[in-house]
């Protein structure tokens, strides 16, 4: 998986995706999701590092079956809130 962390005025923004999805676009109905290098590009990370990053996040965008599956398994995302877009999974989280 690939993890990117950025500090913003609102807190830590974390993007996570399955490596093979960089550069891909997924479309279904009105929804279009492009996994850009600019937003999702970052460091290769194992499951432990991804979970640690998500634990520090204020906001996170997560794309891919593996990445979203980890977020669900670790309790960061409720499975009911996962979107499936053109065969891939997408989830967002926001800590208030």
Protein backbone atom coordinates (compact mmCIF):
# COMPACT_ATOMS: atom_id res chain seq x y z
CA UNK A 1 0.00 0.00 0.00
CA UNK A 2 0.99 3.62 -0.49
CA UNK A 3 0.57 6.22 2.26
CA UNK A 4 0.82 9.99 1.99
CA UNK A 5 0.59 12.28 5.03
CA UNK A 6 0.13 16.07 4.83
CA UNK A 7 -0.33 18.60 7.57
CA UNK A 8 -3.19 20.98 6.83
CA UNK A 9 -4.71 23.82 8.87
CA UNK A 10 -7.46 21.35 9.85
CA UNK A 11 -5.08 18.57 10.92
CA UNK A 12 -3.32 15.58 9.41
CA UNK A 13 -4.65 14.47 6.01
CA UNK A 14 -3.77 10.87 5.18
CA UNK A 15 -4.29 9.22 1.79
CA UNK A 16 -3.89 5.48 1.39
CA UNK A 17 -4.28 3.33 -1.70
CA UNK A 18 -3.38 -0.04 -3.10
CA UNK A 19 -0.17 0.52 -5.09
CA UNK A 20 -1.52 -0.78 -8.39
CA UNK A 21 -4.33 1.80 -8.42
CA UNK A 22 -2.10 4.86 -8.88
CA UNK A 23 -3.11 6.49 -12.17
CA UNK A 24 -6.39 4.58 -12.48
CA UNK A 25 -9.86 6.11 -12.84
CA UNK A 26 -13.01 4.38 -11.64
CA UNK A 27 -16.43 5.49 -12.83
CA UNK A 28 -19.90 4.36 -11.93
CA UNK A 29 -22.99 6.42 -12.64
CA UNK A 30 -22.43 9.96 -11.37
CA UNK A 31 -19.28 8.96 -9.43
CA UNK A 32 -15.78 9.34 -10.84
CA UNK A 33 -12.73 8.53 -8.73
CA UNK A 34 -9.21 9.15 -10.04
CA UNK A 35 -6.30 7.87 -7.98
CA UNK A 36 -3.73 10.53 -8.83
CA UNK A 37 -0.02 10.43 -8.04
CA UNK A 38 -0.28 13.99 -6.71
CA UNK A 39 -2.80 13.08 -4.03
CA UNK A 40 -2.19 9.40 -3.29
CA UNK A 41 1.50 9.11 -4.15
CA UNK A 42 3.75 8.60 -1.16
CA UNK A 43 5.69 5.93 0.64
CA UNK A 44 5.25 2.17 0.39
CA UNK A 45 3.91 0.98 3.75
CA UNK A 46 3.02 -2.30 5.40
CA UNK A 47 -0.21 -2.89 7.32
CA UNK A 48 1.25 -1.76 10.64
CA UNK A 49 2.50 1.54 9.21
CA UNK A 50 -0.83 2.18 7.46
CA UNK A 51 -2.77 1.54 10.68
CA UNK A 52 -0.44 3.86 12.61
CA UNK A 53 -0.91 6.58 10.01
CA UNK A 54 -4.70 6.22 10.06
CA UNK A 55 -4.65 6.41 13.87
CA UNK A 56 -2.97 9.83 13.65
CA UNK A 57 -5.22 11.13 10.85
CA UNK A 58 -7.77 13.87 11.23
CA UNK A 59 -9.06 13.13 7.72
CA UNK A 60 -8.29 10.14 5.50
CA UNK A 61 -9.11 9.06 1.96
CA UNK A 62 -8.67 5.35 1.32
CA UNK A 63 -8.90 3.52 -2.02
CA UNK A 64 -8.53 -0.15 -2.91
CA UNK A 65 -9.80 -3.43 -1.58
CA UNK A 66 -6.68 -4.10 0.48
CA UNK A 67 -6.37 -0.58 1.93
CA UNK A 68 -10.06 -0.22 2.74
CA UNK A 69 -10.18 -3.78 4.07
CA UNK A 70 -7.40 -2.92 6.51
CA UNK A 71 -9.20 0.26 7.60
CA UNK A 72 -12.33 -1.77 8.27
CA UNK A 73 -10.46 -4.57 10.08
CA UNK A 74 -8.67 -2.04 12.30
CA UNK A 75 -11.94 -0.28 13.19
CA UNK A 76 -11.28 3.03 11.43
CA UNK A 77 -14.12 2.61 8.92
CA UNK A 78 -17.50 0.93 9.32
CA UNK A 79 -18.04 -1.55 6.48
CA UNK A 80 -21.52 -0.05 5.90
CA UNK A 81 -19.84 3.21 4.86
CA UNK A 82 -17.60 1.71 2.16
CA UNK A 83 -18.42 2.66 -1.41
CA UNK A 84 -17.79 0.31 -4.28
CA UNK A 85 -16.96 2.25 -7.43
CA UNK A 86 -16.41 0.33 -10.65
CA UNK A 87 -14.94 -2.67 -8.82
CA UNK A 88 -12.77 -0.92 -6.24
CA UNK A 89 -13.49 0.20 -2.70
CA UNK A 90 -13.36 3.77 -1.40
CA UNK A 91 -13.80 5.15 2.09
CA UNK A 92 -13.24 8.40 3.89
CA UNK A 93 -12.89 9.13 7.56
CA UNK A 94 -13.12 12.31 9.55
CA UNK A 95 -12.40 12.61 13.26
CA UNK A 96 -14.24 15.48 14.93
